[in-house]
Amino acid sequence: MKKQFFMALIAGLLFCGSEAMAQKRATYQKEAIECLGVEGDGSQTVRVTGTGKNRRDAIEQAKKDAVAAVIFDGIRGGLQGCDTRPLIYEMNARRKYEDYFNVFFQDKGEYRNYVNTDDRRWGSTTGKRNKVIKNKRVTVTVLRPQLKQKLIADGIIKQQQ
């Protein structure tokens, strides 16, 4: 009888421990990209969360996510007046132009020419970490007009009349 009680107690503790781990993991889910404003030249300042094994990787992933959101999804969250339209309207464009975007978004790829993290105000970068991953919430500026011209020049999107 005691053996069954202790087995049930151990099983209960293991179950509670796994629930606590799942809740801890849930706190590291990506937050939505939000627009903070549009500059006079058309570039968008956004807050985005990147995930990586260290601070540098997390910031680079945040830059990639910001550029990808402007190209494929548009920025819907944040302030009014931001350009919410994606640069590419074509369905399955990410898959259709997969070879192009794999090269474009590779580590130290060309995407870096269209995004910067020059916002150095206090609080513009925040982070969370656990034993395995590090999340960084970063303020970045995506150079939307230049990015659009690049995609037009490379034949990914068509010039609008």
N, C-alpha and C. Protein backbone atom coordinates (compact mmCIF):
# COMPACT_ATOMS: atom_id res chain seq x y z
N MET A 1 0.83 -1.19 0.00
CA MET A 1 0.00 0.00 0.00
C MET A 1 0.87 1.25 0.00
N LYS A 2 1.94 1.26 0.85
CA LYS A 2 2.83 2.40 0.89
C LYS A 2 3.54 2.58 -0.45
N LYS A 3 3.90 1.47 -1.08
CA LYS A 3 4.61 1.53 -2.34
C LYS A 3 3.74 2.20 -3.40
N GLN A 4 2.46 1.87 -3.45
CA GLN A 4 1.54 2.49 -4.41
C GLN A 4 1.38 3.98 -4.13
N PHE A 5 1.31 4.34 -2.86
CA PHE A 5 1.17 5.74 -2.48
C PHE A 5 2.39 6.54 -2.95
N PHE A 6 3.58 6.01 -2.69
CA PHE A 6 4.79 6.71 -3.09
C PHE A 6 4.92 6.79 -4.62
N MET A 7 4.52 5.73 -5.32
CA MET A 7 4.56 5.77 -6.79
C MET A 7 3.60 6.84 -7.32
N ALA A 8 2.41 6.93 -6.74
CA ALA A 8 1.45 7.95 -7.16
C ALA A 8 1.98 9.34 -6.83
N LEU A 9 2.62 9.49 -5.69
CA LEU A 9 3.20 10.77 -5.30
C LEU A 9 4.31 11.18 -6.27
N ILE A 10 5.17 10.26 -6.62
CA ILE A 10 6.26 10.55 -7.56
C ILE A 10 5.70 10.90 -8.93
N ALA A 11 4.71 10.15 -9.39
CA ALA A 11 4.09 10.43 -10.69
C ALA A 11 3.46 11.83 -10.69
N GLY A 12 2.81 12.18 -9.59
CA GLY A 12 2.20 13.51 -9.47
C GLY A 12 3.24 14.62 -9.51
N LEU A 13 4.36 14.43 -8.81
CA LEU A 13 5.43 15.43 -8.81
C LEU A 13 6.04 15.58 -10.20
N LEU A 14 6.25 14.46 -10.88
CA LEU A 14 6.79 14.53 -12.24
C LEU A 14 5.84 15.27 -13.17
N PHE A 15 4.53 15.00 -13.03
CA PHE A 15 3.55 15.67 -13.87
C PHE A 15 3.55 17.17 -13.60
N CYS A 16 3.57 17.56 -12.33
CA CYS A 16 3.60 18.99 -11.97
C CYS A 16 4.87 19.65 -12.48
N GLY A 17 5.98 18.94 -12.38
CA GLY A 17 7.24 19.49 -12.86
C GLY A 17 7.23 19.71 -14.37
N SER A 18 6.63 18.77 -15.10
CA SER A 18 6.57 18.93 -16.56
C SER A 18 5.64 20.07 -16.94
N GLU A 19 4.56 20.28 -16.17
CA GLU A 19 3.66 21.41 -16.42
C GLU A 19 4.39 22.73 -16.17
N ALA A 20 5.20 22.79 -15.12
CA ALA A 20 5.96 24.02 -14.85
C ALA A 20 6.96 24.29 -15.95
N MET A 21 7.60 23.24 -16.47
CA MET A 21 8.55 23.42 -17.57
C MET A 21 7.83 23.92 -18.82
N ALA A 22 6.64 23.39 -19.10
CA ALA A 22 5.88 23.82 -20.28
C ALA A 22 5.48 25.28 -20.14
N GLN A 23 5.09 25.69 -18.94
CA GLN A 23 4.73 27.09 -18.73
C GLN A 23 5.95 27.98 -18.90
N LYS A 24 7.10 27.55 -18.44
CA LYS A 24 8.32 28.34 -18.58
C LYS A 24 8.68 28.48 -20.06
N ARG A 25 8.56 27.39 -20.82
CA ARG A 25 8.84 27.45 -22.25
C ARG A 25 7.87 28.39 -22.95
N ALA A 26 6.64 28.42 -22.52
CA ALA A 26 5.63 29.27 -23.17
C ALA A 26 5.97 30.75 -23.05
N THR A 27 6.74 31.15 -22.04
CA THR A 27 7.08 32.55 -21.89
C THR A 27 8.08 33.01 -22.94
N TYR A 28 8.71 32.08 -23.66
CA TYR A 28 9.70 32.44 -24.66
C TYR A 28 9.15 32.41 -26.09
N GLN A 29 7.84 32.39 -26.24
CA GLN A 29 7.28 32.41 -27.58
C GLN A 29 7.48 33.79 -28.19
N LYS A 30 7.52 33.82 -29.52
CA LYS A 30 7.74 35.07 -30.22
C LYS A 30 6.58 36.03 -29.99
N GLU A 31 6.94 37.28 -29.84
CA GLU A 31 5.94 38.32 -29.73
C GLU A 31 5.72 38.89 -31.12
N ALA A 32 4.56 39.48 -31.32
CA ALA A 32 4.23 40.04 -32.63
C ALA A 32 5.13 41.22 -32.94
N ILE A 33 5.41 41.40 -34.22
CA ILE A 33 6.19 42.55 -34.67
C ILE A 33 5.27 43.76 -34.65
N GLU A 34 5.76 44.85 -34.07
CA GLU A 34 4.93 46.04 -34.01
C GLU A 34 5.66 47.23 -34.61
N CYS A 35 4.91 48.06 -35.32
CA CYS A 35 5.46 49.23 -35.97
C CYS A 35 5.51 50.39 -34.97
N LEU A 36 6.64 51.05 -34.90
CA LEU A 36 6.79 52.21 -34.02
C LEU A 36 6.68 53.52 -34.78
N GLY A 37 6.79 53.46 -36.11
CA GLY A 37 6.66 54.68 -36.89
C GLY A 37 7.26 54.53 -38.27
N VAL A 38 6.96 55.52 -39.12
CA VAL A 38 7.48 55.56 -40.48
C VAL A 38 8.27 56.85 -40.61
N GLU A 39 9.48 56.72 -41.13
CA GLU A 39 10.35 57.88 -41.31
C GLU A 39 9.93 58.62 -42.59
N GLY A 40 10.48 59.80 -42.80
CA GLY A 40 10.17 60.60 -43.97
C GLY A 40 10.55 59.94 -45.29
N ASP A 41 11.56 59.08 -45.26
CA ASP A 41 11.99 58.41 -46.49
C ASP A 41 11.23 57.11 -46.76
N GLY A 42 10.27 56.76 -45.89
CA GLY A 42 9.47 55.56 -46.08
C GLY A 42 9.95 54.35 -45.31
N SER A 43 11.10 54.46 -44.64
CA SER A 43 11.58 53.32 -43.86
C SER A 43 10.72 53.17 -42.61
N GLN A 44 10.60 51.92 -42.14
CA GLN A 44 9.76 51.61 -40.99
C GLN A 44 10.61 51.22 -39.79
N THR A 45 10.27 51.79 -38.65
CA THR A 45 10.92 51.42 -37.40
C THR A 45 9.99 50.45 -36.69
N VAL A 46 10.50 49.27 -36.36
CA VAL A 46 9.69 48.22 -35.76
C VAL A 46 10.37 47.63 -34.53
N ARG A 47 9.56 47.03 -33.66
CA ARG A 47 10.07 46.25 -32.53
C ARG A 47 9.81 44.79 -32.85
N VAL A 48 10.85 43.99 -32.76
CA VAL A 48 10.77 42.58 -33.14
C VAL A 48 11.57 41.74 -32.16
N THR A 49 11.14 40.51 -31.95
CA THR A 49 11.84 39.60 -31.05
C THR A 49 12.61 38.58 -31.86
N GLY A 50 13.88 38.42 -31.54
CA GLY A 50 14.72 37.40 -32.17
C GLY A 50 15.14 36.38 -31.14
N THR A 51 15.32 35.15 -31.58
CA THR A 51 15.71 34.06 -30.70
C THR A 51 17.01 33.45 -31.20
N GLY A 52 17.93 33.20 -30.29
CA GLY A 52 19.20 32.60 -30.68
C GLY A 52 19.91 32.00 -29.48
N LYS A 53 21.07 31.39 -29.74
CA LYS A 53 21.82 30.77 -28.65
C LYS A 53 22.62 31.79 -27.85
N ASN A 54 22.79 33.01 -28.43
CA ASN A 54 23.45 34.08 -27.70
C ASN A 54 22.87 35.42 -28.17
N ARG A 55 23.33 36.50 -27.59
CA ARG A 55 22.79 37.82 -27.89
C ARG A 55 22.93 38.18 -29.37
N ARG A 56 24.09 37.94 -29.94
CA ARG A 56 24.34 38.29 -31.34
C ARG A 56 23.42 37.53 -32.28
N ASP A 57 23.26 36.22 -32.05
CA ASP A 57 22.37 35.41 -32.89
C ASP A 57 20.92 35.88 -32.77
N ALA A 58 20.50 36.22 -31.56
CA ALA A 58 19.13 36.69 -31.36
C ALA A 58 18.88 37.99 -32.10
N ILE A 59 19.83 38.91 -32.08
CA ILE A 59 19.67 40.19 -32.77
C ILE A 59 19.65 39.97 -34.28
N GLU A 60 20.51 39.11 -34.79
CA GLU A 60 20.52 38.82 -36.23
C GLU A 60 19.21 38.18 -36.67
N GLN A 61 18.67 37.28 -35.84
CA GLN A 61 17.39 36.66 -36.17
C GLN A 61 16.26 37.69 -36.15
N ALA A 62 16.33 38.64 -35.24
CA ALA A 62 15.34 39.71 -35.20
C ALA A 62 15.38 40.54 -36.47
N LYS A 63 16.58 40.83 -36.96
CA LYS A 63 16.72 41.58 -38.22
C LYS A 63 16.11 40.80 -39.38
N LYS A 64 16.42 39.51 -39.47
CA LYS A 64 15.86 38.67 -40.53
C LYS A 64 14.33 38.65 -40.46
N ASP A 65 13.80 38.50 -39.24
CA ASP A 65 12.35 38.45 -39.07
C ASP A 65 11.69 39.76 -39.47
N ALA A 66 12.32 40.89 -39.16
CA ALA A 66 11.76 42.19 -39.52
C ALA A 66 11.72 42.37 -41.03
N VAL A 67 12.80 42.03 -41.72
CA VAL A 67 12.83 42.16 -43.18
C VAL A 67 11.84 41.20 -43.82
N ALA A 68 11.77 39.96 -43.32
CA ALA A 68 10.82 38.99 -43.87
C ALA A 68 9.38 39.45 -43.66
N ALA A 69 9.09 40.05 -42.53
CA ALA A 69 7.73 40.54 -42.28
C ALA A 69 7.36 41.65 -43.26
N VAL A 70 8.28 42.55 -43.54
CA VAL A 70 8.00 43.63 -44.49
C VAL A 70 7.80 43.06 -45.89
N ILE A 71 8.58 42.05 -46.26
CA ILE A 71 8.46 41.48 -47.60
C ILE A 71 7.20 40.64 -47.75
N PHE A 72 6.94 39.72 -46.84
CA PHE A 72 5.90 38.72 -47.03
C PHE A 72 4.58 38.98 -46.30
N ASP A 73 4.63 39.58 -45.12
CA ASP A 73 3.44 39.67 -44.28
C ASP A 73 2.90 41.08 -44.10
N GLY A 74 3.76 42.06 -44.11
CA GLY A 74 3.36 43.40 -43.74
C GLY A 74 3.35 43.52 -42.22
N ILE A 75 3.45 44.74 -41.73
CA ILE A 75 3.48 44.97 -40.28
C ILE A 75 2.09 45.46 -39.87
N ARG A 76 1.37 44.64 -39.10
CA ARG A 76 0.01 44.99 -38.74
C ARG A 76 -0.12 45.55 -37.33
N GLY A 77 0.78 45.21 -36.46
CA GLY A 77 0.70 45.67 -35.08
C GLY A 77 1.38 47.01 -34.90
N GLY A 78 1.02 47.69 -33.84
CA GLY A 78 1.70 48.94 -33.51
C GLY A 78 0.89 50.17 -33.85
N LEU A 79 1.58 51.26 -34.14
CA LEU A 79 0.96 52.54 -34.35
C LEU A 79 0.18 52.63 -35.67
N GLN A 80 -0.79 53.53 -35.67
CA GLN A 80 -1.53 53.82 -36.90
C GLN A 80 -0.60 54.58 -37.85
N GLY A 81 -0.89 54.51 -39.14
CA GLY A 81 -0.09 55.24 -40.12
C GLY A 81 1.08 54.45 -40.67
N CYS A 82 1.30 53.26 -40.18
CA CYS A 82 2.37 52.42 -40.70
C CYS A 82 1.87 51.68 -41.94
N ASP A 83 2.78 51.40 -42.86
CA ASP A 83 2.43 50.70 -44.08
C ASP A 83 2.26 49.22 -43.76
N THR A 84 1.03 48.75 -43.75
CA THR A 84 0.75 47.38 -43.35
C THR A 84 0.83 46.40 -44.51
N ARG A 85 0.97 46.90 -45.72
CA ARG A 85 0.99 46.03 -46.90
C ARG A 85 2.35 45.35 -47.06
N PRO A 86 2.34 44.07 -47.44
CA PRO A 86 3.63 43.41 -47.74
C PRO A 86 4.14 43.90 -49.09
N LEU A 87 5.43 43.76 -49.32
CA LEU A 87 6.00 44.14 -50.61
C LEU A 87 5.62 43.13 -51.70
N ILE A 88 5.45 41.87 -51.33
CA ILE A 88 5.08 40.83 -52.30
C ILE A 88 3.67 40.35 -51.98
N TYR A 89 2.78 40.50 -52.95
CA TYR A 89 1.40 40.04 -52.78
C TYR A 89 1.17 38.63 -53.32
N GLU A 90 2.10 38.15 -54.11
CA GLU A 90 1.95 36.86 -54.78
C GLU A 90 1.84 35.72 -53.77
N MET A 91 0.87 34.84 -54.01
CA MET A 91 0.69 33.68 -53.13
C MET A 91 1.90 32.75 -53.25
N ASN A 92 2.33 32.19 -52.15
CA ASN A 92 3.45 31.24 -52.10
C ASN A 92 4.74 31.79 -52.70
N ALA A 93 4.95 33.09 -52.59
CA ALA A 93 6.16 33.71 -53.15
C ALA A 93 7.41 33.19 -52.44
N ARG A 94 7.30 32.95 -51.17
CA ARG A 94 8.45 32.45 -50.42
C ARG A 94 8.91 31.11 -50.97
N ARG A 95 7.97 30.28 -51.34
CA ARG A 95 8.30 28.97 -51.91
C ARG A 95 8.72 29.10 -53.38
N LYS A 96 8.02 29.96 -54.13
CA LYS A 96 8.31 30.11 -55.56
C LYS A 96 9.73 30.63 -55.78
N TYR A 97 10.14 31.60 -54.97
CA TYR A 97 11.47 32.20 -55.09
C TYR A 97 12.39 31.71 -53.98
N GLU A 98 12.24 30.45 -53.59
CA GLU A 98 12.97 29.88 -52.46
C GLU A 98 14.49 30.00 -52.62
N ASP A 99 15.01 29.72 -53.81
CA ASP A 99 16.45 29.79 -54.02
C ASP A 99 16.96 31.21 -53.79
N TYR A 100 16.22 32.20 -54.29
CA TYR A 100 16.61 33.60 -54.13
C TYR A 100 16.62 33.99 -52.65
N PHE A 101 15.54 33.67 -51.93
CA PHE A 101 15.43 34.10 -50.54
C PHE A 101 16.32 33.29 -49.60
N ASN A 102 16.67 32.06 -49.95
CA ASN A 102 17.64 31.32 -49.14
C ASN A 102 18.99 32.02 -49.15
N VAL A 103 19.40 32.52 -50.30
CA VAL A 103 20.66 33.26 -50.40
C VAL A 103 20.52 34.63 -49.74
N PHE A 104 19.40 35.30 -49.97
CA PHE A 104 19.16 36.63 -49.43
C PHE A 104 19.19 36.64 -47.90
N PHE A 105 18.60 35.61 -47.27
CA PHE A 105 18.50 35.56 -45.81
C PHE A 105 19.57 34.70 -45.15
N GLN A 106 20.58 34.24 -45.88
CA GLN A 106 21.63 33.45 -45.23
C GLN A 106 22.38 34.32 -44.22
N ASP A 107 23.11 33.69 -43.31
CA ASP A 107 23.90 34.43 -42.32
C ASP A 107 24.84 35.39 -43.05
N LYS A 108 24.87 36.61 -42.59
CA LYS A 108 25.64 37.69 -43.21
C LYS A 108 25.24 37.91 -44.67
N GLY A 109 23.96 37.66 -44.95
CA GLY A 109 23.43 37.80 -46.30
C GLY A 109 23.07 39.24 -46.64
N GLU A 110 22.46 39.40 -47.79
CA GLU A 110 22.15 40.72 -48.31
C GLU A 110 21.05 41.44 -47.53
N TYR A 111 20.23 40.71 -46.78
CA TYR A 111 19.18 41.33 -45.98
C TYR A 111 19.75 42.42 -45.06
N ARG A 112 21.00 42.26 -44.66
CA ARG A 112 21.63 43.21 -43.72
C ARG A 112 21.77 44.61 -44.30
N ASN A 113 21.75 44.74 -45.63
CA ASN A 113 21.84 46.05 -46.27
C ASN A 113 20.55 46.85 -46.13
N TYR A 114 19.47 46.20 -45.71
CA TYR A 114 18.15 46.85 -45.68
C TYR A 114 17.57 46.95 -44.28
N VAL A 115 18.41 46.78 -43.27
CA VAL A 115 17.95 46.88 -41.89
C VAL A 115 19.11 47.39 -41.03
N ASN A 116 18.78 48.20 -40.03
CA ASN A 116 19.81 48.61 -39.08
C ASN A 116 19.23 48.71 -37.68
N THR A 117 20.12 48.66 -36.71
CA THR A 117 19.73 48.73 -35.30
C THR A 117 20.38 49.93 -34.63
N ASP A 118 20.35 51.05 -35.30
CA ASP A 118 21.01 52.25 -34.79
C ASP A 118 20.28 52.92 -33.63
N ASP A 119 19.11 52.41 -33.25
CA ASP A 119 18.35 52.99 -32.15
C ASP A 119 19.04 52.60 -30.84
N ARG A 120 19.78 53.50 -30.25
CA ARG A 120 20.56 53.19 -29.05
C ARG A 120 19.97 53.81 -27.78
N ARG A 121 18.70 54.17 -27.81
CA ARG A 121 18.08 54.70 -26.60
C ARG A 121 17.97 53.60 -25.55
N TRP A 122 17.94 54.01 -24.29
CA TRP A 122 17.82 53.04 -23.22
C TRP A 122 16.49 52.31 -23.36
N GLY A 123 16.51 51.01 -23.27
CA GLY A 123 15.30 50.22 -23.36
C GLY A 123 14.92 49.81 -24.77
N SER A 124 15.71 50.21 -25.78
CA SER A 124 15.37 49.82 -27.14
C SER A 124 15.67 48.35 -27.39
N THR A 125 16.46 47.73 -26.53
CA THR A 125 16.76 46.31 -26.61
C THR A 125 16.52 45.70 -25.23
N THR A 126 15.69 44.67 -25.19
CA THR A 126 15.43 43.96 -23.94
C THR A 126 15.61 42.48 -24.19
N GLY A 127 15.83 41.71 -23.15
CA GLY A 127 16.08 40.29 -23.37
C GLY A 127 15.57 39.40 -22.26
N LYS A 128 15.39 38.13 -22.62
CA LYS A 128 15.07 37.07 -21.68
C LYS A 128 15.96 35.90 -22.05
N ARG A 129 16.24 35.05 -21.11
CA ARG A 129 17.04 33.88 -21.43
C ARG A 129 16.65 32.73 -20.52
N ASN A 130 16.85 31.54 -21.03
CA ASN A 130 16.82 30.35 -20.20
C ASN A 130 18.11 29.61 -20.47
N LYS A 131 18.21 28.36 -20.10
CA LYS A 131 19.48 27.65 -20.22
C LYS A 131 19.89 27.40 -21.67
N VAL A 132 18.93 27.39 -22.58
CA VAL A 132 19.24 26.99 -23.95
C VAL A 132 19.18 28.15 -24.92
N ILE A 133 18.15 29.01 -24.83
CA ILE A 133 17.95 30.07 -25.81
C ILE A 133 17.94 31.44 -25.16
N LYS A 134 18.15 32.42 -25.99
CA LYS A 134 18.11 33.80 -25.54
C LYS A 134 17.17 34.55 -26.48
N ASN A 135 16.24 35.31 -25.93
CA ASN A 135 15.33 36.14 -26.70
C ASN A 135 15.74 37.59 -26.53
N LYS A 136 15.75 38.33 -27.64
CA LYS A 136 16.04 39.76 -27.60
C LYS A 136 14.92 40.49 -28.32
N ARG A 137 14.35 41.47 -27.66
CA ARG A 137 13.35 42.36 -28.26
C ARG A 137 14.13 43.58 -28.69
N VAL A 138 14.17 43.84 -30.01
CA VAL A 138 15.06 44.83 -30.59
C VAL A 138 14.26 45.83 -31.40
N THR A 139 14.70 47.09 -31.38
CA THR A 139 14.14 48.12 -32.25
C THR A 139 15.04 48.20 -33.48
N VAL A 140 14.45 47.98 -34.66
CA VAL A 140 15.20 48.04 -35.90
C VAL A 140 14.47 48.91 -36.91
N THR A 141 15.22 49.42 -37.88
CA THR A 141 14.64 50.19 -38.97
C THR A 141 14.84 49.41 -40.25
N VAL A 142 13.72 49.15 -40.95
CA VAL A 142 13.76 48.44 -42.23
C VAL A 142 13.67 49.48 -43.33
N LEU A 143 14.64 49.48 -44.22
CA LEU A 143 14.69 50.43 -45.33
C LEU A 143 13.77 49.95 -46.45
N ARG A 144 12.49 50.15 -46.26
CA ARG A 144 11.46 49.62 -47.15
C ARG A 144 11.61 50.09 -48.61
N PRO A 145 11.81 51.38 -48.90
CA PRO A 145 11.92 51.79 -50.31
C PRO A 145 13.12 51.15 -51.03
N GLN A 146 14.26 51.08 -50.35
CA GLN A 146 15.44 50.46 -50.96
C GLN A 146 15.24 48.96 -51.16
N LEU A 147 14.57 48.33 -50.21
CA LEU A 147 14.27 46.90 -50.31
C LEU A 147 13.34 46.64 -51.49
N LYS A 148 12.35 47.50 -51.66
CA LYS A 148 11.43 47.36 -52.78
C LYS A 148 12.16 47.51 -54.11
N GLN A 149 13.06 48.50 -54.21
CA GLN A 149 13.83 48.69 -55.43
C GLN A 149 14.71 47.47 -55.72
N LYS A 150 15.28 46.87 -54.70
CA LYS A 150 16.11 45.67 -54.87
C LYS A 150 15.28 44.52 -55.43
N LEU A 151 14.08 44.32 -54.88
CA LEU A 151 13.22 43.24 -55.35
C LEU A 151 12.73 43.49 -56.77
N ILE A 152 12.50 44.74 -57.13
CA ILE A 152 12.13 45.08 -58.52
C ILE A 152 13.31 44.81 -59.45
N ALA A 153 14.50 45.27 -59.07
CA ALA A 153 15.70 45.07 -59.90
C ALA A 153 16.01 43.59 -60.12
N ASP A 154 15.73 42.76 -59.11
CA ASP A 154 16.01 41.33 -59.21
C ASP A 154 14.87 40.56 -59.85
N GLY A 155 13.79 41.24 -60.23
CA GLY A 155 12.67 40.58 -60.93
C GLY A 155 11.73 39.81 -60.04
N ILE A 156 11.78 40.04 -58.74
CA ILE A 156 10.89 39.33 -57.82
C ILE A 156 9.50 39.98 -57.82
N ILE A 157 9.46 41.30 -57.82
CA ILE A 157 8.18 42.01 -57.95
C ILE A 157 8.26 42.89 -59.19
N LYS A 158 7.09 43.24 -59.70
CA LYS A 158 7.02 44.04 -60.91
C LYS A 158 6.87 45.51 -60.56
N GLN A 159 7.45 46.37 -61.41
CA GLN A 159 7.34 47.81 -61.25
C GLN A 159 5.88 48.21 -61.45
N GLN A 160 5.33 48.97 -60.51
CA GLN A 160 3.95 49.41 -60.65
C GLN A 160 3.91 50.69 -61.44
N GLN A 161 2.95 50.79 -62.31
CA GLN A 161 2.82 51.94 -63.22
C GLN A 161 2.41 53.19 -62.46
